[in-house]
Amino acid sequence: MENSKLQDFVTITVFHNRITFGDVRRLQRDYLPYGLASREQVEILLHLDGMIERADRAWADWLATAVFDFAVFNERSVDAVESGTCNWLLDHLAALDVSTKVTRRLERDLHQALAPIGPAPSMVRQSASMSELGLAA
């Protein structure tokens, strides 16, 4: 996908100063049918998110999911989180001049993705003595 086509979408959207449900569907269908493919596309859309005053709820849901998927699964491997894309995105979000619902959600989700995974509390086995279980020794 050419970024010039995406830039055309952004220009029209900024002119209208809103993103409708139809705009989100058109973006998915016509401009990014295979999702986000480059850091430049991520930057363009996050910049757009900070410029628009009114947006349909579908915009925040789609953008946060698409950007998260790009950052975490862009290399399509188990070690994608280690690729540095997540850290790049966190740095980019910190450098943005605005805080939106999408940027806050992305920061939270990316920090969770980068956190080391430990055993779930319900999975930790507790040892009990025979008497605690009501069994005779």
C-alpha atoms as a PDB file:
ATOM      1  CA  MET A   1       0.000   0.000   0.000  1.00  0.00           C
ATOM      2  CA  GLU A   2       1.330   3.363  -0.943  1.00  0.00           C
ATOM      3  CA  ASN A   3       1.620   5.788   1.923  1.00  0.00           C
ATOM      4  CA  SER A   4       0.507   8.548  -0.460  1.00  0.00           C
ATOM      5  CA  LYS A   5      -2.960   6.931  -0.624  1.00  0.00           C
ATOM      6  CA  LEU A   6      -3.027   6.756   3.164  1.00  0.00           C
ATOM      7  CA  GLN A   7      -1.928  10.390   3.300  1.00  0.00           C
ATOM      8  CA  ASP A   8      -4.854  11.276   1.011  1.00  0.00           C
ATOM      9  CA  PHE A   9      -7.223   9.603   3.479  1.00  0.00           C
ATOM     10  CA  VAL A  10      -5.643  11.549   6.340  1.00  0.00           C
ATOM     11  CA  THR A  11      -5.912  14.861   4.460  1.00  0.00           C
ATOM     12  CA  ILE A  12      -9.612  14.339   3.761  1.00  0.00           C
ATOM     13  CA  THR A  13     -10.275  13.234   7.341  1.00  0.00           C
ATOM     14  CA  VAL A  14      -8.465  16.229   8.821  1.00  0.00           C
ATOM     15  CA  PHE A  15     -10.443  18.525   6.519  1.00  0.00           C
ATOM     16  CA  HIS A  16     -13.700  17.120   7.944  1.00  0.00           C
ATOM     17  CA  ASN A  17     -12.229  17.050  11.484  1.00  0.00           C
ATOM     18  CA  ARG A  18     -14.014  13.786  12.267  1.00  0.00           C
ATOM     19  CA  ILE A  19     -13.768  10.068  11.705  1.00  0.00           C
ATOM     20  CA  THR A  20     -17.025   8.246  11.142  1.00  0.00           C
ATOM     21  CA  PHE A  21     -17.796   4.548  11.338  1.00  0.00           C
ATOM     22  CA  GLY A  22     -17.819   4.528   7.527  1.00  0.00           C
ATOM     23  CA  ASP A  23     -14.359   6.138   7.449  1.00  0.00           C
ATOM     24  CA  VAL A  24     -12.989   3.368   9.671  1.00  0.00           C
ATOM     25  CA  ARG A  25     -14.481   0.659   7.466  1.00  0.00           C
ATOM     26  CA  ARG A  26     -13.214   2.376   4.304  1.00  0.00           C
ATOM     27  CA  LEU A  27      -9.727   2.655   5.825  1.00  0.00           C
ATOM     28  CA  GLN A  28      -9.755  -1.062   6.615  1.00  0.00           C
ATOM     29  CA  ARG A  29     -11.187  -2.111   3.265  1.00  0.00           C
ATOM     30  CA  ASP A  30      -9.559   0.251   0.773  1.00  0.00           C
ATOM     31  CA  TYR A  31      -6.375   1.589   2.349  1.00  0.00           C
ATOM     32  CA  LEU A  32      -5.120  -1.058   4.803  1.00  0.00           C
ATOM     33  CA  PRO A  33      -6.780  -4.378   3.915  1.00  0.00           C
ATOM     34  CA  TYR A  34      -3.831  -6.347   5.328  1.00  0.00           C
ATOM     35  CA  GLY A  35      -3.325  -4.190   8.403  1.00  0.00           C
ATOM     36  CA  LEU A  36      -0.458  -1.860   9.163  1.00  0.00           C
ATOM     37  CA  ALA A  37       2.735  -2.709   7.301  1.00  0.00           C
ATOM     38  CA  SER A  38       5.256  -0.062   8.374  1.00  0.00           C
ATOM     39  CA  ARG A  39       6.264   2.211  11.205  1.00  0.00           C
ATOM     40  CA  GLU A  40       5.516   5.166   8.950  1.00  0.00           C
ATOM     41  CA  GLN A  41       1.873   4.096   8.651  1.00  0.00           C
ATOM     42  CA  VAL A  42       1.678   3.769  12.434  1.00  0.00           C
ATOM     43  CA  GLU A  43       3.116   7.257  12.868  1.00  0.00           C
ATOM     44  CA  ILE A  44       0.721   8.749  10.306  1.00  0.00           C
ATOM     45  CA  LEU A  45      -2.356   7.266  11.981  1.00  0.00           C
ATOM     46  CA  LEU A  46      -1.272   8.127  15.529  1.00  0.00           C
ATOM     47  CA  HIS A  47      -0.654  11.691  14.391  1.00  0.00           C
ATOM     48  CA  LEU A  48      -4.124  11.729  12.819  1.00  0.00           C
ATOM     49  CA  ASP A  49      -5.613  10.439  16.067  1.00  0.00           C
ATOM     50  CA  GLY A  50      -4.192  13.434  17.916  1.00  0.00           C
ATOM     51  CA  MET A  51      -5.548  15.914  15.364  1.00  0.00           C
ATOM     52  CA  ILE A  52      -9.186  14.819  15.124  1.00  0.00           C
ATOM     53  CA  GLU A  53     -11.723  16.248  17.551  1.00  0.00           C
ATOM     54  CA  ARG A  54     -14.597  13.830  16.890  1.00  0.00           C
ATOM     55  CA  ALA A  55     -14.261  10.148  16.172  1.00  0.00           C
ATOM     56  CA  ASP A  56     -16.579   7.179  16.185  1.00  0.00           C
ATOM     57  CA  ARG A  57     -15.904   4.596  18.886  1.00  0.00           C
ATOM     58  CA  ALA A  58     -14.872   2.139  16.163  1.00  0.00           C
ATOM     59  CA  TRP A  59     -11.842   4.328  15.387  1.00  0.00           C
ATOM     60  CA  ALA A  60     -10.225   3.962  18.804  1.00  0.00           C
ATOM     61  CA  ASP A  61     -10.963   0.237  18.912  1.00  0.00           C
ATOM     62  CA  TRP A  62      -9.588  -0.409  15.435  1.00  0.00           C
ATOM     63  CA  LEU A  63      -6.517   1.833  15.737  1.00  0.00           C
ATOM     64  CA  ALA A  64      -5.429   0.494  19.133  1.00  0.00           C
ATOM     65  CA  THR A  65      -5.824  -3.101  17.958  1.00  0.00           C
ATOM     66  CA  ALA A  66      -4.098  -2.540  14.598  1.00  0.00           C
ATOM     67  CA  VAL A  67      -1.120  -0.726  16.130  1.00  0.00           C
ATOM     68  CA  PHE A  68      -0.766  -3.270  18.948  1.00  0.00           C
ATOM     69  CA  ASP A  69      -0.875  -6.141  16.466  1.00  0.00           C
ATOM     70  CA  PHE A  70       1.758  -4.440  14.330  1.00  0.00           C
ATOM     71  CA  ALA A  71       4.061  -3.875  17.292  1.00  0.00           C
ATOM     72  CA  VAL A  72       3.726  -7.305  18.852  1.00  0.00           C
ATOM     73  CA  PHE A  73       3.200  -9.578  15.861  1.00  0.00           C
ATOM     74  CA  ASN A  74       5.023  -7.759  13.063  1.00  0.00           C
ATOM     75  CA  GLU A  75       7.717 -10.409  12.690  1.00  0.00           C
ATOM     76  CA  ARG A  76       5.237 -13.258  13.024  1.00  0.00           C
ATOM     77  CA  SER A  77       7.434 -15.052  15.475  1.00  0.00           C
ATOM     78  CA  VAL A  78       7.408 -15.923  19.141  1.00  0.00           C
ATOM     79  CA  ASP A  79      10.168 -13.372  19.761  1.00  0.00           C
ATOM     80  CA  ALA A  80       8.381 -10.462  18.089  1.00  0.00           C
ATOM     81  CA  VAL A  81       8.134  -8.615  21.407  1.00  0.00           C
ATOM     82  CA  GLU A  82      11.929  -8.793  21.625  1.00  0.00           C
ATOM     83  CA  SER A  83      12.353  -7.280  18.139  1.00  0.00           C
ATOM     84  CA  GLY A  84      12.381  -3.741  19.491  1.00  0.00           C
ATOM     85  CA  THR A  85       9.185  -2.633  17.782  1.00  0.00           C
ATOM     86  CA  CYS A  86       7.327  -2.445  21.091  1.00  0.00           C
ATOM     87  CA  ASN A  87      10.065  -0.291  22.604  1.00  0.00           C
ATOM     88  CA  TRP A  88      10.143   1.912  19.510  1.00  0.00           C
ATOM     89  CA  LEU A  89       6.382   2.385  19.769  1.00  0.00           C
ATOM     90  CA  LEU A  90       6.544   3.230  23.486  1.00  0.00           C
ATOM     91  CA  ASP A  91       9.240   5.821  22.718  1.00  0.00           C
ATOM     92  CA  HIS A  92       7.123   7.220  19.887  1.00  0.00           C
ATOM     93  CA  LEU A  93       4.042   7.450  22.117  1.00  0.00           C
ATOM     94  CA  ALA A  94       6.055   9.267  24.778  1.00  0.00           C
ATOM     95  CA  ALA A  95       7.262  11.766  22.184  1.00  0.00           C
ATOM     96  CA  LEU A  96       3.747  12.616  20.976  1.00  0.00           C
ATOM     97  CA  ASP A  97       2.423  15.970  22.128  1.00  0.00           C
ATOM     98  CA  VAL A  98      -1.064  14.635  22.833  1.00  0.00           C
ATOM     99  CA  SER A  99      -2.568  11.967  25.013  1.00  0.00           C
ATOM    100  CA  THR A 100      -5.622  10.267  23.575  1.00  0.00           C
ATOM    101  CA  LYS A 101      -7.697   7.259  24.490  1.00  0.00           C
ATOM    102  CA  VAL A 102      -5.761   5.259  21.896  1.00  0.00           C
ATOM    103  CA  THR A 103      -2.298   6.296  23.100  1.00  0.00           C
ATOM    104  CA  ARG A 104      -3.134   5.572  26.737  1.00  0.00           C
ATOM    105  CA  ARG A 105      -4.582   2.175  25.827  1.00  0.00           C
ATOM    106  CA  LEU A 106      -1.537   1.327  23.718  1.00  0.00           C
ATOM    107  CA  GLU A 107       0.877   2.296  26.490  1.00  0.00           C
ATOM    108  CA  ARG A 108      -0.973   0.081  28.961  1.00  0.00           C
ATOM    109  CA  ASP A 109      -1.233  -2.876  26.575  1.00  0.00           C
ATOM    110  CA  LEU A 110       2.391  -2.650  25.445  1.00  0.00           C
ATOM    111  CA  HIS A 111       3.684  -2.537  29.018  1.00  0.00           C
ATOM    112  CA  GLN A 112       1.651  -5.668  29.734  1.00  0.00           C
ATOM    113  CA  ALA A 113       3.036  -7.370  26.621  1.00  0.00           C
ATOM    114  CA  LEU A 114       6.583  -6.563  27.680  1.00  0.00           C
ATOM    115  CA  ALA A 115       6.090  -7.701  31.281  1.00  0.00           C
ATOM    116  CA  PRO A 116       7.619 -11.069  32.088  1.00  0.00           C
ATOM    117  CA  ILE A 117       5.084 -13.834  32.252  1.00  0.00           C
ATOM    118  CA  GLY A 118       4.851 -15.638  35.579  1.00  0.00           C
ATOM    119  CA  PRO A 119       2.634 -18.446  36.769  1.00  0.00           C
ATOM    120  CA  ALA A 120      -1.006 -17.605  37.229  1.00  0.00           C
ATOM    121  CA  PRO A 121      -1.972 -17.430  40.913  1.00  0.00           C
ATOM    122  CA  SER A 122      -4.464 -20.275  40.515  1.00  0.00           C
ATOM    123  CA  MET A 123      -1.763 -22.428  38.956  1.00  0.00           C
ATOM    124  CA  VAL A 124       0.595 -22.194  41.925  1.00  0.00           C
ATOM    125  CA  ARG A 125       0.396 -25.439  43.845  1.00  0.00           C
ATOM    126  CA  GLN A 126      -0.019 -25.111  47.558  1.00  0.00           C
ATOM    127  CA  SER A 127       1.255 -27.964  49.656  1.00  0.00           C
ATOM    128  CA  ALA A 128      -1.049 -29.136  52.390  1.00  0.00           C
ATOM    129  CA  SER A 129      -0.347 -31.526  55.176  1.00  0.00           C
ATOM    130  CA  MET A 130      -2.348 -34.745  55.514  1.00  0.00           C
ATOM    131  CA  SER A 131      -4.117 -33.406  58.611  1.00  0.00           C
ATOM    132  CA  GLU A 132      -5.198 -30.222  56.784  1.00  0.00           C
ATOM    133  CA  LEU A 133      -6.856 -32.377  54.150  1.00  0.00           C
ATOM    134  CA  GLY A 134      -8.668 -34.381  56.804  1.00  0.00           C
ATOM    135  CA  LEU A 135      -6.737 -37.509  56.063  1.00  0.00           C
ATOM    136  CA  ALA A 136      -5.249 -39.722  58.735  1.00  0.00           C
ATOM    137  CA  ALA A 137      -1.505 -40.002  58.718  1.00  0.00           C
END
